[in-house]
Protein backbone atom coordinates (compact mmCIF):
# COMPACT_ATOMS: atom_id res chain seq x y z
CA MET A 1 -18.68 39.43 -0.85
CA PHE A 2 -16.26 37.25 1.10
CA ARG A 3 -17.64 34.07 2.69
CA SER A 4 -15.68 32.37 5.42
CA ARG A 5 -15.08 28.64 5.32
CA ALA A 6 -17.20 28.32 8.49
CA ALA A 7 -20.22 29.62 6.54
CA THR A 8 -20.06 26.61 4.23
CA PRO A 9 -19.72 23.60 6.57
CA TYR A 10 -21.15 21.09 4.08
CA GLU A 11 -19.17 22.14 1.04
CA ASP A 12 -17.19 18.89 1.07
CA GLU A 13 -20.39 16.83 1.14
CA LEU A 14 -21.68 18.59 -1.99
CA ARG A 15 -18.49 17.86 -3.90
CA PRO A 16 -18.57 14.49 -5.70
CA LYS A 17 -16.15 11.93 -4.28
CA ARG A 18 -13.29 10.92 -6.55
CA LYS A 19 -12.96 7.24 -7.30
CA ALA A 20 -9.65 5.67 -6.29
CA PHE A 21 -7.60 4.82 -9.34
CA SER A 22 -4.22 3.38 -10.12
CA ARG A 23 -1.71 4.78 -12.52
CA LEU A 24 1.21 2.83 -13.93
CA PRO A 25 4.44 4.56 -12.98
CA ASN A 26 6.69 5.95 -15.69
CA ALA A 27 9.86 5.80 -13.64
CA TYR A 28 11.16 5.45 -10.11
CA ARG A 29 14.25 7.01 -8.61
CA MET A 30 16.77 4.85 -6.80
CA CYS A 31 17.28 5.95 -3.21
CA GLY A 32 20.03 5.10 -0.77
CA HIS A 33 20.07 2.92 2.33
CA TRP A 34 22.85 2.57 4.89
CA TYR A 35 24.31 -0.85 5.83
CA GLU A 36 26.74 -1.32 8.68
CA LEU A 37 30.04 -2.74 7.43
CA PRO A 38 31.26 -6.09 8.80
CA GLY A 39 33.08 -5.60 12.05
CA GLY A 40 30.85 -2.68 13.01
CA MET A 41 32.90 0.07 14.63
CA GLY A 42 30.29 2.59 13.45
CA ARG A 43 31.28 2.31 9.78
CA TYR A 44 28.50 2.29 7.22
CA GLU A 45 28.20 1.79 3.48
CA ARG A 46 25.52 3.40 1.33
CA VAL A 47 23.71 0.94 -0.97
CA PRO A 48 20.99 1.44 -3.62
CA CYS A 49 17.37 0.96 -2.59
CA LEU A 50 14.16 0.70 -4.64
CA LYS A 51 10.69 0.72 -3.04
CA LEU A 52 7.64 -0.09 -5.16
CA THR A 53 4.20 0.82 -3.80
CA GLY A 54 0.79 1.52 -5.25
CA ARG A 55 -2.56 0.14 -6.31
CA TRP A 56 -1.07 -0.61 -9.72
CA LEU A 57 0.88 -3.53 -8.18
CA ARG A 58 -2.38 -5.17 -7.06
CA ASP A 59 -3.95 -4.42 -10.45
CA VAL A 60 -1.20 -6.35 -12.27
CA GLY A 61 -1.33 -9.38 -9.91
CA PHE A 62 1.01 -8.58 -7.00
CA GLU A 63 -1.24 -9.21 -3.99
CA ILE A 64 -0.17 -8.61 -0.39
CA GLY A 65 1.55 -11.77 0.87
CA ALA A 66 2.41 -13.15 -2.59
CA ARG A 67 5.79 -14.85 -3.06
CA VAL A 68 7.83 -13.17 -5.77
CA ALA A 69 10.78 -14.49 -7.80
CA VAL A 70 13.48 -11.92 -8.57
CA GLU A 71 15.58 -12.29 -11.72
CA VAL A 72 18.53 -9.90 -12.03
CA LYS A 73 20.50 -9.02 -15.15
CA GLU A 74 22.84 -6.10 -15.77
CA GLY A 75 20.61 -3.01 -15.71
CA SER A 76 17.38 -5.01 -15.39
CA ILE A 77 15.26 -6.54 -12.60
CA THR A 78 12.30 -8.82 -13.34
CA LEU A 79 9.70 -9.65 -10.67
CA THR A 80 7.40 -12.65 -11.19
CA VAL A 81 4.62 -13.85 -8.87
CA ILE A 82 5.32 -17.51 -8.07
CA GLU A 83 2.70 -18.11 -5.37
CA THR A 84 -0.46 -16.15 -4.67
CA PRO A 85 -1.71 -15.94 -1.08
CA PRO A 86 -5.01 -17.58 -0.11
CA PRO A 87 -7.95 -15.17 -0.13
CA VAL A 88 -8.57 -13.49 3.20
CA ALA A 89 -12.15 -13.22 4.42
CA PRO A 90 -13.16 -9.63 5.16
CA LYS A 91 -13.24 -8.79 8.85
CA VAL A 92 -16.56 -8.28 10.58
CA PRO A 93 -16.68 -4.91 12.37
CA ARG A 94 -16.42 -5.22 16.15
CA GLN A 95 -19.77 -3.49 16.69
CA VAL A 96 -21.49 -6.10 14.51
CA GLN A 97 -19.70 -8.91 16.40
CA ARG A 98 -20.97 -7.51 19.72
CA GLU A 99 -24.52 -7.19 18.41
CA LEU A 100 -24.48 -10.78 17.15
CA ALA A 101 -23.09 -12.05 20.46
CA HIS A 102 -25.65 -10.08 22.48
CA THR A 103 -28.82 -10.66 20.47
CA GLY A 104 -27.93 -13.55 18.19
CA ARG A 105 -29.11 -11.58 15.13
CA LEU A 106 -28.52 -8.35 13.28
CA SER A 107 -30.98 -5.51 13.54
C-alpha cells in the first residue's frame, strides 16, 4: 500500500548521517571570464579562468587565509603554500555569551 511522505515524518532521523569527506579531483575545466579592454567603450575580452574549491584543498595544507606562491610554466601551474595563517579560535555562540554575561557561569 502507498504511504505518503507525511506519514513518515522522522524518516530522515532514522537514516544514518553521512560523514563529510573530501575527494581529490581528477580534472577541472577551464571557464571563461570577461575583462574590459583598456579604453573601455564597452569592449570586452574573454580570458581563461580556473576556480579551485573543496575540502581536499584544506586536507593537503591550503588553509583559508594562507599566502600562496604561483609558479607558471607552459601548460603547468604550481601552487605552493608560503605562509600559513595563525590559528583562529572558534567562536562562542551568542546564546552562550549572553548566558555568561547574565549569570557569570554556564548552566
